[in-house]
Amino acid sequence: MTDRDSDATDPEPEPAPEPEPEPELPAHGVGPWPGGPEAWPDDPHYDPELLEHGDARNVVDRYRYWRLEAIVADLDRTRHPFHVAIENWQHDMNIGSIVRTANAFAADTVHIIGRRRWNKRGAMVTDRYQHLDHHADVAAFAAWAHEASVPIIAVDNVPGAVPIEAFAWPERCVLLFGQEGPGLSPEAQAAADVVVEITQYGSTRSLNASAAAAIAMHSWILSHAAPASG
């Protein structure tokens, strides 16, 4: 019997191996630097741990894989000359969100007035990149502002406040915000050089504290900051 006469057939070829699954990227970041250690950039800004394992931090692309200290140092070159201050007399979750917005707009420093401990959840870790200062009370904060020659611009909807649309922001100043609900304390209003209000046109009596802070900071940005490149 020859092979030609056999009923046997050639065995089916083995199926191609399944492709390796793509590694899952971090939710808000990038995976390890492509090419392995041999391809890592020779630059002290970069963190070997992040290059090896990926960078899941909530940072802009230009800071991917950078060391925390390198990012802070780079931000320090371009921070804007406005500060942000927040009264902290109660457990207000808006404080973290205000810190996050201050970081987004490159504020110089965020000042916490009152309780040293504050809810950081809303900050989304941006407090690591943002300069923070603490003042025990409004008097201590006002003394710092006077010593530093930084005018205090309080933001609240109170009688006699200047509409934000008509206000000329000083380039160097500190924007002072109160707590959700009660707003600025009487002591804070008295310490302010001027109180600015965000004009409202609907039925609600007030804005969320973090939303008001974002509007006020962006109003300063429109007055003094150059458009961001890229």
C-alpha atoms as a PDB file:
ATOM      1  CA  MET A   1       0.000   0.000   0.000  1.00  0.00           C
ATOM      2  CA  THR A   2       1.455   3.309  -0.972  1.00  0.00           C
ATOM      3  CA  ASP A   3       0.779   6.691   0.568  1.00  0.00           C
ATOM      4  CA  ARG A   4      -1.141   7.557  -2.587  1.00  0.00           C
ATOM      5  CA  ASP A   5      -3.494   4.702  -2.032  1.00  0.00           C
ATOM      6  CA  SER A   6      -3.930   5.321   1.655  1.00  0.00           C
ATOM      7  CA  ASP A   7      -7.135   6.681   3.094  1.00  0.00           C
ATOM      8  CA  ALA A   8      -5.017   8.681   5.535  1.00  0.00           C
ATOM      9  CA  THR A   9      -4.737  12.434   5.059  1.00  0.00           C
ATOM     10  CA  ASP A  10      -2.102  14.917   6.176  1.00  0.00           C
ATOM     11  CA  PRO A  11      -2.718  16.048   9.738  1.00  0.00           C
ATOM     12  CA  GLU A  12      -4.323  19.457  10.097  1.00  0.00           C
ATOM     13  CA  PRO A  13      -1.824  22.200  10.889  1.00  0.00           C
ATOM     14  CA  GLU A  14      -1.682  23.278  14.500  1.00  0.00           C
ATOM     15  CA  PRO A  15      -3.681  26.448  15.152  1.00  0.00           C
ATOM     16  CA  ALA A  16      -1.635  29.612  15.500  1.00  0.00           C
ATOM     17  CA  PRO A  17      -0.953  30.522  19.099  1.00  0.00           C
ATOM     18  CA  GLU A  18      -3.329  33.016  20.661  1.00  0.00           C
ATOM     19  CA  PRO A  19      -1.788  36.511  20.681  1.00  0.00           C
ATOM     20  CA  GLU A  20      -0.624  37.777  24.032  1.00  0.00           C
ATOM     21  CA  PRO A  21      -3.323  40.029  25.522  1.00  0.00           C
ATOM     22  CA  GLU A  22      -2.432  43.709  25.553  1.00  0.00           C
ATOM     23  CA  PRO A  23      -1.498  44.846  29.046  1.00  0.00           C
ATOM     24  CA  GLU A  24      -4.232  46.874  30.693  1.00  0.00           C
ATOM     25  CA  LEU A  25      -3.310  50.539  30.888  1.00  0.00           C
ATOM     26  CA  PRO A  26      -3.947  52.416  34.118  1.00  0.00           C
ATOM     27  CA  ALA A  27      -7.327  54.135  34.183  1.00  0.00           C
ATOM     28  CA  HIS A  28      -5.923  57.639  33.742  1.00  0.00           C
ATOM     29  CA  GLY A  29      -2.420  57.026  32.543  1.00  0.00           C
ATOM     30  CA  VAL A  30       0.087  55.112  30.501  1.00  0.00           C
ATOM     31  CA  GLY A  31       1.805  51.770  30.804  1.00  0.00           C
ATOM     32  CA  PRO A  32       5.534  51.081  31.173  1.00  0.00           C
ATOM     33  CA  TRP A  33       7.885  53.011  28.891  1.00  0.00           C
ATOM     34  CA  PRO A  34       8.041  51.120  25.562  1.00  0.00           C
ATOM     35  CA  GLY A  35      11.238  49.222  24.878  1.00  0.00           C
ATOM     36  CA  GLY A  36      12.266  48.416  28.415  1.00  0.00           C
ATOM     37  CA  PRO A  37      15.105  49.892  30.476  1.00  0.00           C
ATOM     38  CA  GLU A  38      17.402  50.130  27.462  1.00  0.00           C
ATOM     39  CA  ALA A  39      15.052  52.711  25.934  1.00  0.00           C
ATOM     40  CA  TRP A  40      14.504  54.815  29.069  1.00  0.00           C
ATOM     41  CA  PRO A  41      15.258  58.526  28.646  1.00  0.00           C
ATOM     42  CA  ASP A  42      18.484  59.733  30.215  1.00  0.00           C
ATOM     43  CA  ASP A  43      16.914  62.649  32.042  1.00  0.00           C
ATOM     44  CA  PRO A  44      16.780  63.284  35.823  1.00  0.00           C
ATOM     45  CA  HIS A  45      13.146  64.452  35.551  1.00  0.00           C
ATOM     46  CA  TYR A  46      12.019  60.858  35.036  1.00  0.00           C
ATOM     47  CA  ASP A  47      11.192  58.391  37.812  1.00  0.00           C
ATOM     48  CA  PRO A  48      12.580  54.861  37.220  1.00  0.00           C
ATOM     49  CA  GLU A  49       9.638  53.305  39.100  1.00  0.00           C
ATOM     50  CA  LEU A  50       7.141  55.013  36.811  1.00  0.00           C
ATOM     51  CA  LEU A  51       9.138  54.173  33.708  1.00  0.00           C
ATOM     52  CA  GLU A  52       9.119  50.510  34.718  1.00  0.00           C
ATOM     53  CA  HIS A  53       5.545  50.139  35.938  1.00  0.00           C
ATOM     54  CA  GLY A  54       3.587  52.907  34.191  1.00  0.00           C
ATOM     55  CA  ASP A  55       2.130  56.205  35.330  1.00  0.00           C
ATOM     56  CA  ALA A  56      -1.514  56.242  36.463  1.00  0.00           C
ATOM     57  CA  ARG A  57      -1.414  59.740  37.970  1.00  0.00           C
ATOM     58  CA  ASN A  58      -3.830  62.471  36.979  1.00  0.00           C
ATOM     59  CA  VAL A  59      -1.198  64.691  35.349  1.00  0.00           C
ATOM     60  CA  VAL A  60      -0.957  66.350  31.947  1.00  0.00           C
ATOM     61  CA  ASP A  61       0.967  64.475  29.276  1.00  0.00           C
ATOM     62  CA  ARG A  62       4.109  66.595  29.537  1.00  0.00           C
ATOM     63  CA  TYR A  63       4.584  65.359  33.119  1.00  0.00           C
ATOM     64  CA  ARG A  64       4.136  61.668  32.354  1.00  0.00           C
ATOM     65  CA  TYR A  65       6.772  59.572  34.149  1.00  0.00           C
ATOM     66  CA  TRP A  66       8.221  62.644  35.897  1.00  0.00           C
ATOM     67  CA  ARG A  67       9.213  62.547  39.555  1.00  0.00           C
ATOM     68  CA  LEU A  68       6.880  64.416  41.914  1.00  0.00           C
ATOM     69  CA  GLU A  69       9.671  66.784  42.961  1.00  0.00           C
ATOM     70  CA  ALA A  70      10.484  67.550  39.324  1.00  0.00           C
ATOM     71  CA  ILE A  71       6.853  68.425  38.570  1.00  0.00           C
ATOM     72  CA  VAL A  72       6.610  70.759  41.574  1.00  0.00           C
ATOM     73  CA  ALA A  73       9.882  72.462  40.615  1.00  0.00           C
ATOM     74  CA  ASP A  74       8.651  72.978  37.056  1.00  0.00           C
ATOM     75  CA  LEU A  75       5.309  74.364  38.259  1.00  0.00           C
ATOM     76  CA  ASP A  76       7.185  76.775  40.525  1.00  0.00           C
ATOM     77  CA  ARG A  77       8.687  78.425  37.442  1.00  0.00           C
ATOM     78  CA  THR A  78       5.269  79.426  36.088  1.00  0.00           C
ATOM     79  CA  ARG A  79       2.871  79.719  39.024  1.00  0.00           C
ATOM     80  CA  HIS A  80       0.572  82.723  38.886  1.00  0.00           C
ATOM     81  CA  PRO A  81       0.847  85.467  41.528  1.00  0.00           C
ATOM     82  CA  PHE A  82      -2.634  84.932  42.984  1.00  0.00           C
ATOM     83  CA  HIS A  83      -3.223  82.949  46.164  1.00  0.00           C
ATOM     84  CA  VAL A  84      -6.355  81.162  47.388  1.00  0.00           C
ATOM     85  CA  ALA A  85      -7.592  81.067  50.978  1.00  0.00           C
ATOM     86  CA  ILE A  86     -10.394  78.945  52.437  1.00  0.00           C
ATOM     87  CA  GLU A  87     -12.030  79.156  55.838  1.00  0.00           C
ATOM     88  CA  ASN A  88     -12.146  75.716  57.431  1.00  0.00           C
ATOM     89  CA  TRP A  89     -14.441  75.753  60.442  1.00  0.00           C
ATOM     90  CA  GLN A  90     -16.519  72.670  59.579  1.00  0.00           C
ATOM     91  CA  HIS A  91     -16.234  69.440  57.617  1.00  0.00           C
ATOM     92  CA  ASP A  92     -16.621  70.880  54.101  1.00  0.00           C
ATOM     93  CA  MET A  93     -15.905  68.513  51.201  1.00  0.00           C
ATOM     94  CA  ASN A  94     -15.622  71.494  48.853  1.00  0.00           C
ATOM     95  CA  ILE A  95     -12.166  72.355  50.178  1.00  0.00           C
ATOM     96  CA  GLY A  96     -10.527  69.521  48.260  1.00  0.00           C
ATOM     97  CA  SER A  97     -12.258  70.593  45.052  1.00  0.00           C
ATOM     98  CA  ILE A  98     -11.073  74.173  45.541  1.00  0.00           C
ATOM     99  CA  VAL A  99      -7.491  72.937  46.025  1.00  0.00           C
ATOM    100  CA  ARG A 100      -7.811  70.936  42.805  1.00  0.00           C
ATOM    101  CA  THR A 101      -9.017  74.033  40.922  1.00  0.00           C
ATOM    102  CA  ALA A 102      -6.203  76.128  42.393  1.00  0.00           C
ATOM    103  CA  ASN A 103      -3.751  73.559  41.060  1.00  0.00           C
ATOM    104  CA  ALA A 104      -5.421  73.592  37.628  1.00  0.00           C
ATOM    105  CA  PHE A 105      -5.006  77.381  37.423  1.00  0.00           C
ATOM    106  CA  ALA A 106      -1.464  77.301  38.884  1.00  0.00           C
ATOM    107  CA  ALA A 107      -2.205  79.380  41.981  1.00  0.00           C
ATOM    108  CA  ASP A 108       0.808  80.329  44.054  1.00  0.00           C
ATOM    109  CA  THR A 109      -0.370  78.910  47.401  1.00  0.00           C
ATOM    110  CA  VAL A 110      -3.573  77.669  49.022  1.00  0.00           C
ATOM    111  CA  HIS A 111      -4.092  78.934  52.569  1.00  0.00           C
ATOM    112  CA  ILE A 112      -6.245  76.942  54.995  1.00  0.00           C
ATOM    113  CA  ILE A 113      -7.716  79.102  57.772  1.00  0.00           C
ATOM    114  CA  GLY A 114      -8.962  77.430  60.942  1.00  0.00           C
ATOM    115  CA  ARG A 115      -8.817  73.680  61.390  1.00  0.00           C
ATOM    116  CA  ARG A 116      -5.569  72.195  60.133  1.00  0.00           C
ATOM    117  CA  ARG A 117      -7.254  68.969  59.027  1.00  0.00           C
ATOM    118  CA  TRP A 118      -9.425  69.167  55.918  1.00  0.00           C
ATOM    119  CA  ASN A 119     -11.188  66.728  53.610  1.00  0.00           C
ATOM    120  CA  LYS A 120      -8.700  65.917  50.834  1.00  0.00           C
ATOM    121  CA  ARG A 121     -10.888  63.541  48.827  1.00  0.00           C
ATOM    122  CA  GLY A 122     -11.966  66.169  46.311  1.00  0.00           C
ATOM    123  CA  ALA A 123      -8.371  67.268  45.747  1.00  0.00           C
ATOM    124  CA  MET A 124      -7.647  64.069  43.795  1.00  0.00           C
ATOM    125  CA  VAL A 125      -4.031  64.124  45.046  1.00  0.00           C
ATOM    126  CA  THR A 126      -3.391  67.582  43.531  1.00  0.00           C
ATOM    127  CA  ASP A 127      -2.419  68.816  47.014  1.00  0.00           C
ATOM    128  CA  ARG A 128       0.907  67.024  46.478  1.00  0.00           C
ATOM    129  CA  TYR A 129       1.747  69.480  43.711  1.00  0.00           C
ATOM    130  CA  GLN A 130       0.261  72.587  45.324  1.00  0.00           C
ATOM    131  CA  HIS A 131       1.894  74.762  47.975  1.00  0.00           C
ATOM    132  CA  LEU A 132      -0.263  74.812  51.115  1.00  0.00           C
ATOM    133  CA  ASP A 133      -0.114  77.060  54.161  1.00  0.00           C
ATOM    134  CA  HIS A 134      -2.091  77.037  57.409  1.00  0.00           C
ATOM    135  CA  HIS A 135      -3.299  79.917  59.573  1.00  0.00           C
ATOM    136  CA  ALA A 136      -4.924  79.315  62.931  1.00  0.00           C
ATOM    137  CA  ASP A 137      -7.560  82.011  62.471  1.00  0.00           C
ATOM    138  CA  VAL A 138      -8.559  84.976  60.317  1.00  0.00           C
ATOM    139  CA  ALA A 139      -6.367  87.334  62.341  1.00  0.00           C
ATOM    140  CA  ALA A 140      -3.262  85.258  61.635  1.00  0.00           C
ATOM    141  CA  PHE A 141      -4.161  85.041  57.952  1.00  0.00           C
ATOM    142  CA  ALA A 142      -4.763  88.806  57.735  1.00  0.00           C
ATOM    143  CA  ALA A 143      -1.404  89.429  59.430  1.00  0.00           C
ATOM    144  CA  TRP A 144       0.320  87.269  56.788  1.00  0.00           C
ATOM    145  CA  ALA A 145      -1.449  89.120  53.952  1.00  0.00           C
ATOM    146  CA  HIS A 146      -0.502  92.502  55.417  1.00  0.00           C
ATOM    147  CA  GLU A 147       3.131  91.452  55.890  1.00  0.00           C
ATOM    148  CA  ALA A 148       3.282  90.078  52.328  1.00  0.00           C
ATOM    149  CA  SER A 149       1.465  93.148  50.884  1.00  0.00           C
ATOM    150  CA  VAL A 150      -1.150  90.881  49.301  1.00  0.00           C
ATOM    151  CA  PRO A 151      -4.659  92.418  49.105  1.00  0.00           C
ATOM    152  CA  ILE A 152      -7.467  90.152  50.335  1.00  0.00           C
ATOM    153  CA  ILE A 153     -10.289  89.788  47.792  1.00  0.00           C
ATOM    154  CA  ALA A 154     -13.175  88.004  49.478  1.00  0.00           C
ATOM    155  CA  VAL A 155     -15.757  86.281  47.290  1.00  0.00           C
ATOM    156  CA  ASP A 156     -19.320  86.103  48.619  1.00  0.00           C
ATOM    157  CA  ASN A 157     -22.809  87.337  47.754  1.00  0.00           C
ATOM    158  CA  VAL A 158     -23.327  89.844  50.540  1.00  0.00           C
ATOM    159  CA  PRO A 159     -24.770  93.372  50.585  1.00  0.00           C
ATOM    160  CA  GLY A 160     -22.310  95.926  49.234  1.00  0.00           C
ATOM    161  CA  ALA A 161     -20.217  93.400  47.257  1.00  0.00           C
ATOM    162  CA  VAL A 162     -18.788  94.464  43.897  1.00  0.00           C
ATOM    163  CA  PRO A 163     -20.163  92.511  40.903  1.00  0.00           C
ATOM    164  CA  ILE A 164     -17.386  90.333  39.517  1.00  0.00           C
ATOM    165  CA  GLU A 165     -17.994  91.624  35.977  1.00  0.00           C
ATOM    166  CA  ALA A 166     -17.121  95.155  37.108  1.00  0.00           C
ATOM    167  CA  PHE A 167     -14.129  94.247  39.257  1.00  0.00           C
ATOM    168  CA  ALA A 168     -10.522  94.846  38.182  1.00  0.00           C
ATOM    169  CA  TRP A 169      -8.492  92.031  39.705  1.00  0.00           C
ATOM    170  CA  PRO A 170      -5.106  93.011  41.140  1.00  0.00           C
ATOM    171  CA  GLU A 171      -2.402  90.862  39.599  1.00  0.00           C
ATOM    172  CA  ARG A 172      -1.063  89.911  43.018  1.00  0.00           C
ATOM    173  CA  CYS A 173      -3.816  89.093  45.507  1.00  0.00           C
ATOM    174  CA  VAL A 174      -5.441  86.355  47.574  1.00  0.00           C
ATOM    175  CA  LEU A 175      -8.963  85.133  46.818  1.00  0.00           C
ATOM    176  CA  LEU A 176     -10.745  84.330  50.078  1.00  0.00           C
ATOM    177  CA  PHE A 177     -13.643  81.861  50.192  1.00  0.00           C
ATOM    178  CA  GLY A 178     -15.979  80.827  53.000  1.00  0.00           C
ATOM    179  CA  GLN A 179     -17.673  77.565  53.859  1.00  0.00           C
ATOM    180  CA  GLU A 180     -20.541  75.941  52.010  1.00  0.00           C
ATOM    181  CA  GLY A 181     -23.744  77.264  53.571  1.00  0.00           C
ATOM    182  CA  PRO A 182     -22.674  80.010  55.974  1.00  0.00           C
ATOM    183  CA  GLY A 183     -20.251  81.624  53.533  1.00  0.00           C
ATOM    184  CA  LEU A 184     -17.586  84.001  54.798  1.00  0.00           C
ATOM    185  CA  SER A 185     -17.431  84.614  58.525  1.00  0.00           C
ATOM    186  CA  PRO A 186     -17.938  88.193  59.756  1.00  0.00           C
ATOM    187  CA  GLU A 187     -14.242  88.268  60.687  1.00  0.00           C
ATOM    188  CA  ALA A 188     -13.235  87.328  57.139  1.00  0.00           C
ATOM    189  CA  GLN A 189     -15.494  89.963  55.607  1.00  0.00           C
ATOM    190  CA  ALA A 190     -14.005  92.588  57.933  1.00  0.00           C
ATOM    191  CA  ALA A 191     -10.446  91.552  57.034  1.00  0.00           C
ATOM    192  CA  ALA A 192     -11.050  91.796  53.274  1.00  0.00           C
ATOM    193  CA  ASP A 193      -9.926  94.798  51.242  1.00  0.00           C
ATOM    194  CA  VAL A 194     -12.962  94.267  49.022  1.00  0.00           C
ATOM    195  CA  VAL A 195     -15.764  91.720  48.666  1.00  0.00           C
ATOM    196  CA  VAL A 196     -16.678  90.527  45.176  1.00  0.00           C
ATOM    197  CA  GLU A 197     -19.902  88.760  44.291  1.00  0.00           C
ATOM    198  CA  ILE A 198     -20.672  86.412  41.404  1.00  0.00           C
ATOM    199  CA  THR A 199     -23.750  87.802  39.670  1.00  0.00           C
ATOM    200  CA  GLN A 200     -26.618  85.299  39.502  1.00  0.00           C
ATOM    201  CA  TYR A 201     -29.657  85.426  37.282  1.00  0.00           C
ATOM    202  CA  GLY A 202     -31.777  82.471  38.396  1.00  0.00           C
ATOM    203  CA  SER A 203     -33.808  81.588  41.468  1.00  0.00           C
ATOM    204  CA  THR A 204     -31.141  80.027  43.692  1.00  0.00           C
ATOM    205  CA  ARG A 205     -29.726  82.105  46.527  1.00  0.00           C
ATOM    206  CA  SER A 206     -26.163  80.838  46.201  1.00  0.00           C
ATOM    207  CA  LEU A 207     -23.676  78.800  44.197  1.00  0.00           C
ATOM    208  CA  ASN A 208     -21.841  75.704  45.377  1.00  0.00           C
ATOM    209  CA  ALA A 209     -18.641  76.860  47.090  1.00  0.00           C
ATOM    210  CA  SER A 210     -16.288  74.997  44.767  1.00  0.00           C
ATOM    211  CA  ALA A 211     -18.163  76.258  41.685  1.00  0.00           C
ATOM    212  CA  ALA A 212     -17.930  79.841  42.944  1.00  0.00           C
ATOM    213  CA  ALA A 213     -14.208  79.411  43.576  1.00  0.00           C
ATOM    214  CA  ALA A 214     -13.655  78.094  40.058  1.00  0.00           C
ATOM    215  CA  ILE A 215     -15.542  81.029  38.524  1.00  0.00           C
ATOM    216  CA  ALA A 216     -13.567  83.569  40.559  1.00  0.00           C
ATOM    217  CA  MET A 217     -10.193  81.999  39.781  1.00  0.00           C
ATOM    218  CA  HIS A 218     -10.987  81.849  36.092  1.00  0.00           C
ATOM    219  CA  SER A 219     -12.048  85.500  36.187  1.00  0.00           C
ATOM    220  CA  TRP A 220      -8.549  86.310  37.466  1.00  0.00           C
ATOM    221  CA  ILE A 221      -7.063  84.116  34.708  1.00  0.00           C
ATOM    222  CA  LEU A 222      -8.987  86.027  32.032  1.00  0.00           C
ATOM    223  CA  SER A 223      -7.535  89.280  33.375  1.00  0.00           C
ATOM    224  CA  HIS A 224      -3.887  88.343  33.801  1.00  0.00           C
ATOM    225  CA  ALA A 225      -2.859  84.972  32.354  1.00  0.00           C
ATOM    226  CA  ALA A 226      -1.581  84.384  28.843  1.00  0.00           C
ATOM    227  CA  PRO A 227      -3.428  81.679  26.896  1.00  0.00           C
ATOM    228  CA  ALA A 228      -1.922  78.244  27.533  1.00  0.00           C
ATOM    229  CA  SER A 229       0.048  76.850  24.621  1.00  0.00           C
ATOM    230  CA  GLY A 230      -0.810  73.438  23.221  1.00  0.00           C
END
